[in-house]
């Protein structure tokens, strides 16, 4: 990832909803927690079948995946070289 990504409204909303689902009663500020997790996240990959399905569904040519503490951050590189966090997922099935 070249730059710290711009966090889209969709990504922020998904993180907040999934945070509440994964950790009911969590009192931490979702924006601060998202920023912290994203800053300490490390590069990861997804399996080839999922990668093909995501590319066909969304058509995003250059994607980066980062992970930390059970969270997956899906980052799209824009034509101008900037990056956008487009969604945040829980890695464990059933937590999304």
PDB file of N, CA and C in Angstrom:
ATOM      1  N   UNK A   1       0.861  -1.170   0.000  1.00  0.00           N
ATOM      2  CA  UNK A   1       0.000   0.000   0.000  1.00  0.00           C
ATOM      3  C   UNK A   1       0.899   1.222   0.000  1.00  0.00           C
ATOM      4  N   UNK A   2       0.700   2.074  -0.963  1.00  0.00           N
ATOM      5  CA  UNK A   2       1.567   3.235  -1.127  1.00  0.00           C
ATOM      6  C   UNK A   2       1.281   4.330  -0.103  1.00  0.00           C
ATOM      7  N   UNK A   3       0.034   4.612   0.129  1.00  0.00           N
ATOM      8  CA  UNK A   3      -0.373   5.685   1.020  1.00  0.00           C
ATOM      9  C   UNK A   3      -1.404   5.161   2.002  1.00  0.00           C
ATOM     10  N   UNK A   4      -1.583   5.905   3.101  1.00  0.00           N
ATOM     11  CA  UNK A   4      -2.676   5.565   4.005  1.00  0.00           C
ATOM     12  C   UNK A   4      -3.981   5.824   3.254  1.00  0.00           C
ATOM     13  N   UNK A   5      -4.879   4.853   3.204  1.00  0.00           N
ATOM     14  CA  UNK A   5      -6.075   5.003   2.362  1.00  0.00           C
ATOM     15  C   UNK A   5      -7.085   6.010   2.907  1.00  0.00           C
ATOM     16  N   UNK A   6      -7.818   6.564   1.977  1.00  0.00           N
ATOM     17  CA  UNK A   6      -8.994   7.366   2.310  1.00  0.00           C
ATOM     18  C   UNK A   6     -10.059   6.378   2.756  1.00  0.00           C
ATOM     19  N   UNK A   7     -10.700   6.639   3.870  1.00  0.00           N
ATOM     20  CA  UNK A   7     -11.713   5.721   4.392  1.00  0.00           C
ATOM     21  C   UNK A   7     -13.069   6.164   3.870  1.00  0.00           C
ATOM     22  N   UNK A   8     -13.697   5.305   3.073  1.00  0.00           N
ATOM     23  CA  UNK A   8     -15.004   5.637   2.510  1.00  0.00           C
ATOM     24  C   UNK A   8     -16.091   5.522   3.575  1.00  0.00           C
ATOM     25  N   UNK A   9     -17.208   6.177   3.326  1.00  0.00           N
ATOM     26  CA  UNK A   9     -18.351   6.094   4.248  1.00  0.00           C
ATOM     27  C   UNK A   9     -18.836   4.656   4.375  1.00  0.00           C
ATOM     28  N   UNK A  10     -18.841   3.936   3.256  1.00  0.00           N
ATOM     29  CA  UNK A  10     -19.267   2.527   3.288  1.00  0.00           C
ATOM     30  C   UNK A  10     -18.361   1.712   4.206  1.00  0.00           C
ATOM     31  N   UNK A  11     -17.048   1.896   4.085  1.00  0.00           N
ATOM     32  CA  UNK A  11     -16.107   1.148   4.915  1.00  0.00           C
ATOM     33  C   UNK A  11     -16.318   1.479   6.390  1.00  0.00           C
ATOM     34  N   UNK A  12     -16.497   2.751   6.692  1.00  0.00           N
ATOM     35  CA  UNK A  12     -16.713   3.176   8.079  1.00  0.00           C
ATOM     36  C   UNK A  12     -18.017   2.574   8.634  1.00  0.00           C
ATOM     37  N   UNK A  13     -19.075   2.607   7.842  1.00  0.00           N
ATOM     38  CA  UNK A  13     -20.356   2.038   8.273  1.00  0.00           C
ATOM     39  C   UNK A  13     -20.259   0.529   8.489  1.00  0.00           C
ATOM     40  N   UNK A  14     -19.580  -0.167   7.574  1.00  0.00           N
ATOM     41  CA  UNK A  14     -19.420  -1.615   7.700  1.00  0.00           C
ATOM     42  C   UNK A  14     -18.607  -1.960   8.949  1.00  0.00           C
ATOM     43  N   UNK A  15     -17.551  -1.204   9.196  1.00  0.00           N
ATOM     44  CA  UNK A  15     -16.743  -1.461  10.380  1.00  0.00           C
ATOM     45  C   UNK A  15     -17.578  -1.284  11.645  1.00  0.00           C
ATOM     46  N   UNK A  16     -18.309  -0.204  11.723  1.00  0.00           N
ATOM     47  CA  UNK A  16     -19.108   0.057  12.925  1.00  0.00           C
ATOM     48  C   UNK A  16     -20.160  -1.029  13.143  1.00  0.00           C
ATOM     49  N   UNK A  17     -20.839  -1.439  12.074  1.00  0.00           N
ATOM     50  CA  UNK A  17     -21.862  -2.487  12.194  1.00  0.00           C
ATOM     51  C   UNK A  17     -21.229  -3.813  12.606  1.00  0.00           C
ATOM     52  N   UNK A  18     -20.106  -4.155  12.000  1.00  0.00           N
ATOM     53  CA  UNK A  18     -19.459  -5.433  12.304  1.00  0.00           C
ATOM     54  C   UNK A  18     -18.788  -5.416  13.675  1.00  0.00           C
ATOM     55  N   UNK A  19     -18.343  -4.258  14.110  1.00  0.00           N
ATOM     56  CA  UNK A  19     -17.797  -4.118  15.455  1.00  0.00           C
ATOM     57  C   UNK A  19     -18.884  -4.408  16.487  1.00  0.00           C
ATOM     58  N   UNK A  20     -20.051  -3.836  16.282  1.00  0.00           N
ATOM     59  CA  UNK A  20     -21.167  -4.068  17.210  1.00  0.00           C
ATOM     60  C   UNK A  20     -21.582  -5.535  17.226  1.00  0.00           C
ATOM     61  N   UNK A  21     -21.525  -6.185  16.057  1.00  0.00           N
ATOM     62  CA  UNK A  21     -21.889  -7.599  15.966  1.00  0.00           C
ATOM     63  C   UNK A  21     -20.844  -8.488  16.637  1.00  0.00           C
ATOM     64  N   UNK A  22     -19.565  -8.202  16.395  1.00  0.00           N
ATOM     65  CA  UNK A  22     -18.490  -9.029  16.930  1.00  0.00           C
ATOM     66  C   UNK A  22     -18.240  -8.781  18.422  1.00  0.00           C
ATOM     67  N   UNK A  23     -18.435  -7.550  18.857  1.00  0.00           N
ATOM     68  CA  UNK A  23     -18.163  -7.168  20.242  1.00  0.00           C
ATOM     69  C   UNK A  23     -19.335  -6.366  20.807  1.00  0.00           C
ATOM     70  N   UNK A  24     -20.454  -7.024  21.097  1.00  0.00           N
ATOM     71  CA  UNK A  24     -21.606  -6.297  21.643  1.00  0.00           C
ATOM     72  C   UNK A  24     -21.217  -5.560  22.934  1.00  0.00           C
ATOM     73  N   UNK A  25     -21.669  -4.348  23.029  1.00  0.00           N
ATOM     74  CA  UNK A  25     -21.390  -3.552  24.222  1.00  0.00           C
ATOM     75  C   UNK A  25     -20.026  -2.880  24.220  1.00  0.00           C
ATOM     76  N   UNK A  26     -19.312  -2.970  23.124  1.00  0.00           N
ATOM     77  CA  UNK A  26     -17.995  -2.322  23.019  1.00  0.00           C
ATOM     78  C   UNK A  26     -18.169  -0.809  23.161  1.00  0.00           C
ATOM     79  N   UNK A  27     -17.377  -0.222  24.031  1.00  0.00           N
ATOM     80  CA  UNK A  27     -17.486   1.212  24.308  1.00  0.00           C
ATOM     81  C   UNK A  27     -16.436   2.043  23.576  1.00  0.00           C
ATOM     82  N   UNK A  28     -15.549   1.386  22.815  1.00  0.00           N
ATOM     83  CA  UNK A  28     -14.489   2.124  22.123  1.00  0.00           C
ATOM     84  C   UNK A  28     -15.066   2.945  20.977  1.00  0.00           C
ATOM     85  N   UNK A  29     -14.418   4.072  20.717  1.00  0.00           N
ATOM     86  CA  UNK A  29     -14.816   4.935  19.606  1.00  0.00           C
ATOM     87  C   UNK A  29     -14.494   4.228  18.293  1.00  0.00           C
ATOM     88  N   UNK A  30     -15.497   3.916  17.454  1.00  0.00           N
ATOM     89  CA  UNK A  30     -15.254   3.169  16.222  1.00  0.00           C
ATOM     90  C   UNK A  30     -14.259   3.841  15.278  1.00  0.00           C
ATOM     91  N   UNK A  31     -14.300   5.159  15.161  1.00  0.00           N
ATOM     92  CA  UNK A  31     -13.379   5.852  14.255  1.00  0.00           C
ATOM     93  C   UNK A  31     -11.928   5.715  14.712  1.00  0.00           C
ATOM     94  N   UNK A  32     -11.698   5.883  15.988  1.00  0.00           N
ATOM     95  CA  UNK A  32     -10.326   5.763  16.519  1.00  0.00           C
ATOM     96  C   UNK A  32      -9.828   4.333  16.426  1.00  0.00           C
ATOM     97  N   UNK A  33     -10.714   3.370  16.706  1.00  0.00           N
ATOM     98  CA  UNK A  33     -10.325   1.967  16.635  1.00  0.00           C
ATOM     99  C   UNK A  33     -10.022   1.556  15.198  1.00  0.00           C
ATOM    100  N   UNK A  34     -10.852   1.990  14.252  1.00  0.00           N
ATOM    101  CA  UNK A  34     -10.606   1.692  12.837  1.00  0.00           C
ATOM    102  C   UNK A  34      -9.259   2.254  12.409  1.00  0.00           C
ATOM    103  N   UNK A  35      -8.978   3.484  12.768  1.00  0.00           N
ATOM    104  CA  UNK A  35      -7.708   4.109  12.414  1.00  0.00           C
ATOM    105  C   UNK A  35      -6.534   3.319  13.005  1.00  0.00           C
ATOM    106  N   UNK A  36      -6.638   2.936  14.258  1.00  0.00           N
ATOM    107  CA  UNK A  36      -5.567   2.185  14.924  1.00  0.00           C
ATOM    108  C   UNK A  36      -5.337   0.834  14.247  1.00  0.00           C
ATOM    109  N   UNK A  37      -6.416   0.088  14.018  1.00  0.00           N
ATOM    110  CA  UNK A  37      -6.292  -1.235  13.397  1.00  0.00           C
ATOM    111  C   UNK A  37      -5.714  -1.135  11.991  1.00  0.00           C
ATOM    112  N   UNK A  38      -6.174  -0.166  11.248  1.00  0.00           N
ATOM    113  CA  UNK A  38      -5.700  -0.009   9.879  1.00  0.00           C
ATOM    114  C   UNK A  38      -4.213   0.345   9.848  1.00  0.00           C
ATOM    115  N   UNK A  39      -3.772   1.174  10.773  1.00  0.00           N
ATOM    116  CA  UNK A  39      -2.357   1.561  10.814  1.00  0.00           C
ATOM    117  C   UNK A  39      -1.441   0.390  11.173  1.00  0.00           C
ATOM    118  N   UNK A  40      -1.930  -0.542  11.979  1.00  0.00           N
ATOM    119  CA  UNK A  40      -1.077  -1.667  12.374  1.00  0.00           C
ATOM    120  C   UNK A  40      -1.332  -2.924  11.540  1.00  0.00           C
ATOM    121  N   UNK A  41      -2.253  -2.850  10.585  1.00  0.00           N
ATOM    122  CA  UNK A  41      -2.565  -4.008   9.737  1.00  0.00           C
ATOM    123  C   UNK A  41      -1.390  -4.339   8.820  1.00  0.00           C
ATOM    124  N   UNK A  42      -1.280  -5.612   8.513  1.00  0.00           N
ATOM    125  CA  UNK A  42      -0.189  -6.082   7.653  1.00  0.00           C
ATOM    126  C   UNK A  42      -0.772  -6.720   6.389  1.00  0.00           C
ATOM    127  N   UNK A  43       0.011  -6.756   5.312  1.00  0.00           N
ATOM    128  CA  UNK A  43      -0.481  -7.312   4.043  1.00  0.00           C
ATOM    129  C   UNK A  43      -0.866  -8.782   4.175  1.00  0.00           C
ATOM    130  N   UNK A  44      -1.901  -9.142   3.469  1.00  0.00           N
ATOM    131  CA  UNK A  44      -2.362 -10.527   3.423  1.00  0.00           C
ATOM    132  C   UNK A  44      -2.923 -10.773   2.030  1.00  0.00           C
ATOM    133  N   UNK A  45      -3.364 -11.979   1.782  1.00  0.00           N
ATOM    134  CA  UNK A  45      -3.990 -12.293   0.498  1.00  0.00           C
ATOM    135  C   UNK A  45      -5.258 -13.090   0.767  1.00  0.00           C
ATOM    136  N   UNK A  46      -6.057 -13.239  -0.266  1.00  0.00           N
ATOM    137  CA  UNK A  46      -7.239 -14.082  -0.163  1.00  0.00           C
ATOM    138  C   UNK A  46      -7.062 -15.230  -1.151  1.00  0.00           C
ATOM    139  N   UNK A  47      -7.869 -16.272  -0.983  1.00  0.00           N
ATOM    140  CA  UNK A  47      -7.686 -17.426  -1.855  1.00  0.00           C
ATOM    141  C   UNK A  47      -8.051 -17.071  -3.298  1.00  0.00           C
ATOM    142  N   UNK A  48      -7.456 -17.772  -4.263  1.00  0.00           N
ATOM    143  CA  UNK A  48      -7.641 -17.425  -5.676  1.00  0.00           C
ATOM    144  C   UNK A  48      -9.101 -17.433  -6.136  1.00  0.00           C
ATOM    145  N   UNK A  49      -9.903 -18.349  -5.637  1.00  0.00           N
ATOM    146  CA  UNK A  49     -11.318 -18.399  -6.031  1.00  0.00           C
ATOM    147  C   UNK A  49     -12.042 -17.143  -5.585  1.00  0.00           C
ATOM    148  N   UNK A  50     -11.815 -16.724  -4.351  1.00  0.00           N
ATOM    149  CA  UNK A  50     -12.435 -15.494  -3.844  1.00  0.00           C
ATOM    150  C   UNK A  50     -11.958 -14.281  -4.629  1.00  0.00           C
ATOM    151  N   UNK A  51     -10.686 -14.268  -4.972  1.00  0.00           N
ATOM    152  CA  UNK A  51     -10.133 -13.158  -5.738  1.00  0.00           C
ATOM    153  C   UNK A  51     -10.811 -13.032  -7.101  1.00  0.00           C
ATOM    154  N   UNK A  52     -10.988 -14.160  -7.792  1.00  0.00           N
ATOM    155  CA  UNK A  52     -11.666 -14.151  -9.097  1.00  0.00           C
ATOM    156  C   UNK A  52     -13.111 -13.694  -8.936  1.00  0.00           C
ATOM    157  N   UNK A  53     -13.812 -14.227  -7.946  1.00  0.00           N
ATOM    158  CA  UNK A  53     -15.216 -13.844  -7.719  1.00  0.00           C
ATOM    159  C   UNK A  53     -15.355 -12.360  -7.410  1.00  0.00           C
ATOM    160  N   UNK A  54     -14.485 -11.826  -6.590  1.00  0.00           N
ATOM    161  CA  UNK A  54     -14.542 -10.398  -6.260  1.00  0.00           C
ATOM    162  C   UNK A  54     -14.251  -9.535  -7.489  1.00  0.00           C
ATOM    163  N   UNK A  55     -13.276  -9.964  -8.285  1.00  0.00           N
ATOM    164  CA  UNK A  55     -12.929  -9.198  -9.485  1.00  0.00           C
ATOM    165  C   UNK A  55     -14.089  -9.196 -10.470  1.00  0.00           C
ATOM    166  N   UNK A  56     -14.736 -10.341 -10.654  1.00  0.00           N
ATOM    167  CA  UNK A  56     -15.874 -10.419 -11.563  1.00  0.00           C
ATOM    168  C   UNK A  56     -17.058  -9.596 -11.048  1.00  0.00           C
ATOM    169  N   UNK A  57     -17.291  -9.642  -9.754  1.00  0.00           N
ATOM    170  CA  UNK A  57     -18.425  -8.936  -9.168  1.00  0.00           C
ATOM    171  C   UNK A  57     -18.221  -7.420  -9.149  1.00  0.00           C
ATOM    172  N   UNK A  58     -17.010  -6.985  -8.782  1.00  0.00           N
ATOM    173  CA  UNK A  58     -16.772  -5.560  -8.577  1.00  0.00           C
ATOM    174  C   UNK A  58     -15.935  -4.909  -9.665  1.00  0.00           C
ATOM    175  N   UNK A  59     -15.161  -5.709 -10.398  1.00  0.00           N
ATOM    176  CA  UNK A  59     -14.358  -5.183 -11.484  1.00  0.00           C
ATOM    177  C   UNK A  59     -13.180  -4.333 -11.056  1.00  0.00           C
ATOM    178  N   UNK A  60     -12.759  -4.433  -9.805  1.00  0.00           N
ATOM    179  CA  UNK A  60     -11.622  -3.643  -9.339  1.00  0.00           C
ATOM    180  C   UNK A  60     -10.325  -4.330  -9.754  1.00  0.00           C
ATOM    181  N   UNK A  61      -9.512  -3.667 -10.539  1.00  0.00           N
ATOM    182  CA  UNK A  61      -8.301  -4.319 -11.031  1.00  0.00           C
ATOM    183  C   UNK A  61      -7.179  -4.451  -9.999  1.00  0.00           C
ATOM    184  N   UNK A  62      -6.950  -3.434  -9.191  1.00  0.00           N
ATOM    185  CA  UNK A  62      -5.849  -3.478  -8.232  1.00  0.00           C
ATOM    186  C   UNK A  62      -6.418  -3.345  -6.820  1.00  0.00           C
ATOM    187  N   UNK A  63      -6.317  -4.429  -6.071  1.00  0.00           N
ATOM    188  CA  UNK A  63      -6.835  -4.457  -4.708  1.00  0.00           C
ATOM    189  C   UNK A  63      -5.719  -4.887  -3.773  1.00  0.00           C
ATOM    190  N   UNK A  64      -5.761  -4.363  -2.589  1.00  0.00           N
ATOM    191  CA  UNK A  64      -4.839  -4.772  -1.535  1.00  0.00           C
ATOM    192  C   UNK A  64      -5.683  -5.264  -0.376  1.00  0.00           C
ATOM    193  N   UNK A  65      -5.169  -6.263   0.299  1.00  0.00           N
ATOM    194  CA  UNK A  65      -5.827  -6.791   1.479  1.00  0.00           C
ATOM    195  C   UNK A  65      -4.844  -6.699   2.633  1.00  0.00           C
ATOM    196  N   UNK A  66      -5.324  -6.156   3.737  1.00  0.00           N
ATOM    197  CA  UNK A  66      -4.514  -6.061   4.947  1.00  0.00           C
ATOM    198  C   UNK A  66      -5.345  -6.629   6.079  1.00  0.00           C
ATOM    199  N   UNK A  67      -4.690  -7.098   7.116  1.00  0.00           N
ATOM    200  CA  UNK A  67      -5.420  -7.724   8.203  1.00  0.00           C
ATOM    201  C   UNK A  67      -4.795  -7.382   9.551  1.00  0.00           C
ATOM    202  N   UNK A  68      -5.631  -7.380  10.568  1.00  0.00           N
ATOM    203  CA  UNK A  68      -5.180  -7.229  11.945  1.00  0.00           C
ATOM    204  C   UNK A  68      -6.310  -7.620  12.884  1.00  0.00           C
ATOM    205  N   UNK A  69      -5.988  -8.411  13.882  1.00  0.00           N
ATOM    206  CA  UNK A  69      -6.909  -8.734  14.972  1.00  0.00           C
ATOM    207  C   UNK A  69      -8.270  -9.248  14.479  1.00  0.00           C
ATOM    208  N   UNK A  70      -8.250 -10.099  13.446  1.00  0.00           N
ATOM    209  CA  UNK A  70      -9.488 -10.684  12.943  1.00  0.00           C
ATOM    210  C   UNK A  70     -10.249  -9.825  11.942  1.00  0.00           C
ATOM    211  N   UNK A  71      -9.671  -8.717  11.539  1.00  0.00           N
ATOM    212  CA  UNK A  71     -10.292  -7.808  10.575  1.00  0.00           C
ATOM    213  C   UNK A  71      -9.549  -7.874   9.242  1.00  0.00           C
ATOM    214  N   UNK A  72     -10.288  -7.795   8.134  1.00  0.00           N
ATOM    215  CA  UNK A  72      -9.691  -7.685   6.799  1.00  0.00           C
ATOM    216  C   UNK A  72     -10.101  -6.337   6.217  1.00  0.00           C
ATOM    217  N   UNK A  73      -9.112  -5.604   5.741  1.00  0.00           N
ATOM    218  CA  UNK A  73      -9.317  -4.296   5.132  1.00  0.00           C
ATOM    219  C   UNK A  73      -9.119  -4.440   3.632  1.00  0.00           C
ATOM    220  N   UNK A  74     -10.127  -4.044   2.859  1.00  0.00           N
ATOM    221  CA  UNK A  74     -10.095  -4.177   1.400  1.00  0.00           C
ATOM    222  C   UNK A  74      -9.838  -2.787   0.825  1.00  0.00           C
ATOM    223  N   UNK A  75      -8.702  -2.656   0.167  1.00  0.00           N
ATOM    224  CA  UNK A  75      -8.220  -1.354  -0.290  1.00  0.00           C
ATOM    225  C   UNK A  75      -8.079  -1.362  -1.802  1.00  0.00           C
ATOM    226  N   UNK A  76      -8.634  -0.351  -2.437  1.00  0.00           N
ATOM    227  CA  UNK A  76      -8.592  -0.221  -3.895  1.00  0.00           C
ATOM    228  C   UNK A  76      -7.623   0.888  -4.263  1.00  0.00           C
ATOM    229  N   UNK A  77      -6.751   0.587  -5.222  1.00  0.00           N
ATOM    230  CA  UNK A  77      -5.861   1.621  -5.738  1.00  0.00           C
ATOM    231  C   UNK A  77      -6.554   2.327  -6.893  1.00  0.00           C
ATOM    232  N   UNK A  78      -6.603   3.647  -6.822  1.00  0.00           N
ATOM    233  CA  UNK A  78      -7.228   4.461  -7.858  1.00  0.00           C
ATOM    234  C   UNK A  78      -6.246   4.718  -8.995  1.00  0.00           C
ATOM    235  N   UNK A  79      -6.754   5.167 -10.139  1.00  0.00           N
ATOM    236  CA  UNK A  79      -5.914   5.459 -11.303  1.00  0.00           C
ATOM    237  C   UNK A  79      -4.850   6.508 -11.007  1.00  0.00           C
ATOM    238  N   UNK A  80      -5.157   7.430 -10.097  1.00  0.00           N
ATOM    239  CA  UNK A  80      -4.196   8.499  -9.781  1.00  0.00           C
ATOM    240  C   UNK A  80      -3.157   8.072  -8.736  1.00  0.00           C
ATOM    241  N   UNK A  81      -3.224   6.802  -8.309  1.00  0.00           N
ATOM    242  CA  UNK A  81      -2.269   6.289  -7.333  1.00  0.00           C
ATOM    243  C   UNK A  81      -2.727   6.386  -5.897  1.00  0.00           C
ATOM    244  N   UNK A  82      -3.821   7.086  -5.644  1.00  0.00           N
ATOM    245  CA  UNK A  82      -4.353   7.152  -4.284  1.00  0.00           C
ATOM    246  C   UNK A  82      -5.033   5.829  -3.948  1.00  0.00           C
ATOM    247  N   UNK A  83      -5.293   5.628  -2.679  1.00  0.00           N
ATOM    248  CA  UNK A  83      -5.933   4.386  -2.232  1.00  0.00           C
ATOM    249  C   UNK A  83      -7.177   4.713  -1.419  1.00  0.00           C
ATOM    250  N   UNK A  84      -8.185   3.834  -1.543  1.00  0.00           N
ATOM    251  CA  UNK A  84      -9.421   3.981  -0.772  1.00  0.00           C
ATOM    252  C   UNK A  84      -9.730   2.668  -0.057  1.00  0.00           C
ATOM    253  N   UNK A  85     -10.042   2.784   1.223  1.00  0.00           N
ATOM    254  CA  UNK A  85     -10.542   1.639   1.974  1.00  0.00           C
ATOM    255  C   UNK A  85     -12.004   1.491   1.584  1.00  0.00           C
ATOM    256  N   UNK A  86     -12.333   0.412   0.872  1.00  0.00           N
ATOM    257  CA  UNK A  86     -13.697   0.300   0.367  1.00  0.00           C
ATOM    258  C   UNK A  86     -14.610  -0.528   1.256  1.00  0.00           C
ATOM    259  N   UNK A  87     -14.047  -1.447   2.050  1.00  0.00           N
ATOM    260  CA  UNK A  87     -14.858  -2.152   3.024  1.00  0.00           C
ATOM    261  C   UNK A  87     -13.968  -2.782   4.073  1.00  0.00           C
ATOM    262  N   UNK A  88     -14.596  -3.150   5.183  1.00  0.00           N
ATOM    263  CA  UNK A  88     -13.926  -3.828   6.280  1.00  0.00           C
ATOM    264  C   UNK A  88     -14.750  -5.066   6.601  1.00  0.00           C
ATOM    265  N   UNK A  89     -14.078  -6.192   6.703  1.00  0.00           N
ATOM    266  CA  UNK A  89     -14.756  -7.464   6.939  1.00  0.00           C
ATOM    267  C   UNK A  89     -14.151  -8.150   8.152  1.00  0.00           C
ATOM    268  N   UNK A  90     -14.936  -9.002   8.775  1.00  0.00           N
ATOM    269  CA  UNK A  90     -14.409  -9.920   9.774  1.00  0.00           C
ATOM    270  C   UNK A  90     -13.907 -11.135   9.012  1.00  0.00           C
ATOM    271  N   UNK A  91     -12.787 -11.667   9.417  1.00  0.00           N
ATOM    272  CA  UNK A  91     -12.215 -12.825   8.730  1.00  0.00           C
ATOM    273  C   UNK A  91     -13.017 -14.086   9.031  1.00  0.00           C
ATOM    274  N   UNK A  92     -13.491 -14.240  10.245  1.00  0.00           N
ATOM    275  CA  UNK A  92     -14.263 -15.431  10.621  1.00  0.00           C
ATOM    276  C   UNK A  92     -15.652 -15.388  10.006  1.00  0.00           C
ATOM    277  N   UNK A  93     -16.015 -16.479   9.358  1.00  0.00           N
ATOM    278  CA  UNK A  93     -17.357 -16.553   8.770  1.00  0.00           C
ATOM    279  C   UNK A  93     -18.394 -16.433   9.879  1.00  0.00           C
ATOM    280  N   UNK A  94     -19.517 -15.825   9.538  1.00  0.00           N
ATOM    281  CA  UNK A  94     -20.582 -15.646  10.507  1.00  0.00           C
ATOM    282  C   UNK A  94     -20.481 -14.366  11.321  1.00  0.00           C
ATOM    283  N   UNK A  95     -19.394 -13.644  11.171  1.00  0.00           N
ATOM    284  CA  UNK A  95     -19.233 -12.388  11.901  1.00  0.00           C
ATOM    285  C   UNK A  95     -19.455 -11.173  11.024  1.00  0.00           C
ATOM    286  N   UNK A  96     -19.834 -11.390   9.761  1.00  0.00           N
ATOM    287  CA  UNK A  96     -20.060 -10.261   8.854  1.00  0.00           C
ATOM    288  C   UNK A  96     -21.513  -9.932   8.729  1.00  0.00           C
TER     289      UNK A  96
END
